[in-house]
Amino acid sequence: MDSPKRKVSRQSSADRNALSLFSHMASLHRLPHGAVEELSRSTLIRDYEPRQIIFFPRDPCNLVYWLLQGQARIYRNFPDGKEVSLWHAFAGDLLSASFLRNSRYMESYAEALTYSRVALIPVRSFLHCMEVYPRMAKALCERLEQRIHFLANRALGQAGGSLGAQLAQLLLWLAESQDPREQACVHASHQELANLLGCSRVAITLALGEFRKNSLIRMYHKRIVILDAAGLRRAASAELL
């Protein structure tokens, strides 16, 4: 598979509104006021269109990418052309934690799934604030723990649950991780869902077809709308018994 081409994002013209959003997200994550002020002075806010690459493998690991708005996915390409989605990110997530390991380069692709706004924070500023403000380090650990919890549950589901149960759980998690004010939907192709669950695209298509037949979801191109979240939960728990 050919590597995606680099496309330069547009820097937001509404800098004041963008920084206001940055401050709002920081307050939601209980970051200290001093840390928000310091980070705001060195942070760039950029907007990305759907399917636009945010960063590439081998990009210098000198920025922290904090997703303020929208959804993104992290994935890798392999020499045989296979593309594997590692996880999906939502507002409030860091798109990479490579800087915590002193990595020199990014290791994966990050791609916007919806119109997304990202704060680009110099790594040195971010690490300095983590040292000065322990509450900020704690908030980061809590967010990373949520990601680990999801990956662990996904691994357990693959080990013991049916594909229908795994898929129902995945759709619920992906939908519920977004802004509750928006319509519950998942921005992912059948292949991306298959990559996340480690199965074939055909198997995902068949399972989604069953969900649609039972009026649990409605499908569009690379978008799945959740019509009956309670029904999906029942389907997941019934198949897990």
Protein backbone atom coordinates (compact mmCIF):
# COMPACT_ATOMS: atom_id res chain seq x y z
CA MET A 1 0.00 0.00 0.00
CA ASP A 2 1.36 3.41 -0.97
CA SER A 3 2.15 5.76 1.87
CA PRO A 4 -0.27 8.68 2.15
CA LYS A 5 0.92 12.00 0.81
CA ARG A 6 1.74 14.80 3.16
CA LYS A 7 -0.76 17.64 3.11
CA VAL A 8 -0.06 20.81 5.00
CA SER A 9 -2.87 21.64 7.41
CA ARG A 10 -4.25 25.11 7.68
CA GLN A 11 -3.49 27.00 10.83
CA SER A 12 -6.71 28.15 12.44
CA SER A 13 -7.49 31.79 11.70
CA ALA A 14 -9.59 32.02 14.85
CA ASP A 15 -6.59 31.90 17.18
CA ARG A 16 -8.47 33.44 20.08
CA ASN A 17 -11.28 30.89 19.85
CA ALA A 18 -8.78 28.07 19.37
CA LEU A 19 -6.81 29.01 22.47
CA SER A 20 -10.08 29.37 24.34
CA LEU A 21 -10.91 25.77 23.36
CA PHE A 22 -7.43 24.72 24.49
CA SER A 23 -8.02 26.34 27.88
CA HIS A 24 -11.45 24.73 28.11
CA MET A 25 -10.04 21.25 27.41
CA ALA A 26 -7.25 21.86 29.92
CA SER A 27 -9.77 22.79 32.61
CA LEU A 28 -11.82 19.65 31.87
CA HIS A 29 -8.68 17.61 32.55
CA ARG A 30 -8.05 19.57 35.75
CA LEU A 31 -4.74 21.02 34.58
CA PRO A 32 -3.34 23.75 36.86
CA HIS A 33 -3.95 27.33 35.70
CA GLY A 34 -0.22 28.02 35.65
CA ALA A 35 0.41 25.07 33.34
CA VAL A 36 -2.34 26.21 30.96
CA GLU A 37 -0.85 29.70 30.78
CA GLU A 38 2.65 28.39 30.13
CA LEU A 39 1.56 25.91 27.48
CA SER A 40 -0.67 28.47 25.75
CA ARG A 41 2.34 30.69 25.09
CA SER A 42 4.10 28.01 23.03
CA THR A 43 1.17 26.06 21.59
CA LEU A 44 0.07 26.13 17.94
CA ILE A 45 -3.51 25.14 17.08
CA ARG A 46 -4.07 23.45 13.74
CA ASP A 47 -7.18 22.20 11.97
CA TYR A 48 -7.29 18.99 9.94
CA GLU A 49 -9.84 17.75 7.43
CA PRO A 50 -11.18 14.17 7.39
CA ARG A 51 -8.59 11.68 6.09
CA GLN A 52 -5.79 14.22 6.44
CA ILE A 53 -2.56 12.93 7.98
CA ILE A 54 -1.59 14.69 11.22
CA PHE A 55 1.85 13.13 11.50
CA PHE A 56 3.90 10.48 9.72
CA PRO A 57 6.38 7.83 10.85
CA ARG A 58 9.87 9.31 11.02
CA ASP A 59 8.52 12.79 11.72
CA PRO A 60 10.65 14.39 14.45
CA CYS A 61 9.27 13.63 17.89
CA ASN A 62 9.52 17.23 19.09
CA LEU A 63 5.81 18.01 19.49
CA VAL A 64 3.03 16.70 21.69
CA TYR A 65 -0.18 16.29 19.67
CA TRP A 66 -3.22 16.88 21.87
CA LEU A 67 -6.57 16.28 20.16
CA LEU A 68 -8.92 19.10 21.20
CA GLN A 69 -11.81 18.35 18.87
CA GLY A 70 -12.83 15.55 16.50
CA GLN A 71 -11.63 11.98 16.11
CA ALA A 72 -8.42 10.45 14.78
CA ARG A 73 -6.89 7.04 14.34
CA ILE A 74 -3.36 5.78 14.87
CA TYR A 75 -2.15 3.15 12.41
CA ARG A 76 0.89 1.53 10.84
CA ASN A 77 1.75 0.23 7.38
CA PHE A 78 3.84 -2.89 6.95
CA PRO A 79 6.23 -3.82 4.09
CA ASP A 80 3.74 -6.36 2.70
CA GLY A 81 1.20 -3.55 2.26
CA LYS A 82 -0.94 -4.46 5.25
CA GLU A 83 -2.37 -1.53 7.21
CA VAL A 84 -3.27 -2.02 10.87
CA SER A 85 -5.30 0.42 12.97
CA LEU A 86 -3.89 0.49 16.49
CA TRP A 87 -6.51 2.61 18.24
CA HIS A 88 -8.92 5.53 17.81
CA ALA A 89 -8.43 8.84 19.61
CA PHE A 90 -11.05 11.30 20.82
CA ALA A 91 -11.10 14.84 22.18
CA GLY A 92 -8.76 15.00 25.16
CA ASP A 93 -6.42 12.22 23.96
CA LEU A 94 -2.74 12.57 23.23
CA LEU A 95 -2.12 11.13 19.77
CA SER A 96 1.29 9.79 20.74
CA ALA A 97 3.23 9.21 23.93
CA SER A 98 6.54 8.48 22.19
CA PHE A 99 8.05 11.59 23.74
CA LEU A 100 7.83 9.90 27.16
CA ARG A 101 10.36 7.33 25.93
CA ASN A 102 12.68 10.00 24.52
CA SER A 103 12.00 8.72 20.99
CA ARG A 104 13.58 10.78 18.24
CA TYR A 105 10.93 9.99 15.63
CA MET A 106 7.24 9.16 15.42
CA GLU A 107 6.53 5.47 14.88
CA SER A 108 3.02 5.52 13.40
CA TYR A 109 0.60 7.53 11.29
CA ALA A 110 -2.08 9.72 12.84
CA GLU A 111 -5.05 10.47 10.57
CA ALA A 112 -8.04 12.72 11.22
CA LEU A 113 -11.34 10.85 10.87
CA THR A 114 -13.53 13.94 11.23
CA TYR A 115 -12.82 17.67 11.13
CA SER A 116 -10.31 17.86 13.96
CA ARG A 117 -8.47 20.51 15.91
CA VAL A 118 -5.10 19.63 17.43
CA ALA A 119 -2.85 21.49 19.85
CA LEU A 120 0.82 21.17 18.88
CA ILE A 121 2.87 21.63 22.05
CA PRO A 122 6.69 21.61 22.15
CA VAL A 123 7.85 18.53 24.03
CA ARG A 124 10.24 20.53 26.21
CA SER A 125 7.45 22.84 27.38
CA PHE A 126 5.14 19.90 28.04
CA LEU A 127 7.73 17.95 30.05
CA HIS A 128 8.69 21.06 32.02
CA CYS A 129 5.07 21.59 33.04
CA MET A 130 4.79 17.95 34.08
CA GLU A 131 7.77 18.43 36.40
CA VAL A 132 6.54 21.71 37.86
CA TYR A 133 2.86 20.74 38.14
CA PRO A 134 2.38 17.18 39.49
CA ARG A 135 -1.39 17.43 38.92
CA MET A 136 -0.70 17.63 35.20
CA ALA A 137 1.37 14.43 35.31
CA LYS A 138 -1.45 12.74 37.25
CA ALA A 139 -4.05 13.81 34.65
CA LEU A 140 -1.85 12.42 31.86
CA CYS A 141 -1.46 9.09 33.70
CA GLU A 142 -5.24 8.84 34.16
CA ARG A 143 -5.84 9.35 30.43
CA LEU A 144 -3.20 6.80 29.49
CA GLU A 145 -4.73 4.34 31.96
CA GLN A 146 -8.07 4.64 30.15
CA ARG A 147 -6.35 3.68 26.92
CA ILE A 148 -4.61 0.70 28.55
CA HIS A 149 -7.95 -0.38 30.08
CA PHE A 150 -9.59 -0.36 26.64
CA LEU A 151 -6.75 -2.32 25.03
CA ALA A 152 -6.80 -4.88 27.85
CA ASN A 153 -10.56 -5.35 27.54
CA ARG A 154 -10.19 -5.73 23.79
CA ALA A 155 -7.56 -8.45 24.27
CA LEU A 156 -9.79 -10.27 26.78
CA GLY A 157 -12.73 -10.08 24.41
CA GLN A 158 -10.67 -11.54 21.57
CA ALA A 159 -9.61 -14.38 23.85
CA GLY A 160 -13.06 -15.38 25.08
CA GLY A 161 -15.95 -13.54 23.44
CA SER A 162 -17.68 -14.10 20.11
CA LEU A 163 -17.08 -11.65 17.28
CA GLY A 164 -20.59 -10.24 17.70
CA ALA A 165 -19.94 -9.46 21.37
CA GLN A 166 -16.54 -7.95 20.63
CA LEU A 167 -17.93 -5.78 17.84
CA ALA A 168 -20.87 -4.58 19.93
CA GLN A 169 -18.51 -3.60 22.74
CA LEU A 170 -16.15 -1.86 20.33
CA LEU A 171 -18.93 0.16 18.67
CA LEU A 172 -20.27 1.24 22.06
CA TRP A 173 -16.83 2.26 23.28
CA LEU A 174 -16.01 4.20 20.11
CA ALA A 175 -19.40 5.97 20.15
CA GLU A 176 -19.45 6.74 23.87
CA SER A 177 -15.94 8.19 23.83
CA GLN A 178 -17.04 11.17 21.76
CA ASP A 179 -18.82 14.40 22.72
CA PRO A 180 -22.17 13.39 24.34
CA ARG A 181 -23.86 16.36 22.67
CA GLU A 182 -23.25 14.83 19.24
CA GLN A 183 -25.13 11.99 17.59
CA ALA A 184 -23.69 8.65 18.67
CA CYS A 185 -21.79 7.36 15.65
CA VAL A 186 -18.53 5.65 14.74
CA HIS A 187 -16.28 6.98 11.97
CA ALA A 188 -14.57 3.82 10.75
CA SER A 189 -14.57 1.55 7.73
CA HIS A 190 -15.25 -2.17 7.91
CA GLN A 191 -11.55 -2.81 7.36
CA GLU A 192 -10.55 -0.47 10.19
CA LEU A 193 -12.92 -2.26 12.57
CA ALA A 194 -11.51 -5.59 11.41
CA ASN A 195 -7.98 -4.35 12.12
CA LEU A 196 -8.99 -3.25 15.61
CA LEU A 197 -10.50 -6.66 16.38
CA GLY A 198 -7.95 -8.77 14.53
CA CYS A 199 -10.43 -10.46 12.16
CA SER A 200 -11.41 -10.34 8.49
CA ARG A 201 -13.36 -7.52 6.84
CA VAL A 202 -15.94 -10.04 5.58
CA ALA A 203 -16.65 -11.18 9.14
CA ILE A 204 -17.18 -7.57 10.24
CA THR A 205 -19.50 -6.89 7.30
CA LEU A 206 -21.64 -9.93 8.19
CA ALA A 207 -21.83 -8.98 11.89
CA LEU A 208 -22.74 -5.37 11.06
CA GLY A 209 -25.40 -6.67 8.71
CA GLU A 210 -27.00 -8.55 11.61
CA PHE A 211 -26.92 -5.41 13.78
CA ARG A 212 -28.55 -3.40 10.98
CA LYS A 213 -31.20 -6.06 10.42
CA ASN A 214 -32.11 -5.78 14.11
CA SER A 215 -32.29 -1.96 13.87
CA LEU A 216 -29.34 -1.46 16.22
CA ILE A 217 -27.32 0.61 13.75
CA ARG A 218 -27.55 2.47 10.46
CA MET A 219 -24.59 2.39 8.08
CA TYR A 220 -23.22 5.03 5.74
CA HIS A 221 -19.86 5.26 3.99
CA LYS A 222 -17.26 4.94 6.77
CA ARG A 223 -19.86 6.04 9.33
CA ILE A 224 -22.00 3.86 11.61
CA VAL A 225 -24.84 5.54 13.51
CA ILE A 226 -25.89 3.91 16.78
CA LEU A 227 -29.70 3.69 16.81
CA ASP A 228 -30.16 1.47 19.87
CA ALA A 229 -27.26 1.57 22.36
CA ALA A 230 -29.24 -0.44 24.93
CA GLY A 231 -29.86 -3.14 22.32
CA LEU A 232 -26.15 -3.28 21.50
CA ARG A 233 -25.35 -3.68 25.21
CA ARG A 234 -27.86 -6.54 25.46
CA ALA A 235 -26.37 -8.19 22.39
CA ALA A 236 -22.86 -7.92 23.85
CA SER A 237 -23.83 -9.28 27.29
CA ALA A 238 -25.98 -12.08 25.89
CA GLU A 239 -23.17 -13.36 23.70
CA LEU A 240 -20.66 -13.11 26.52
CA LEU A 241 -22.63 -15.46 28.80
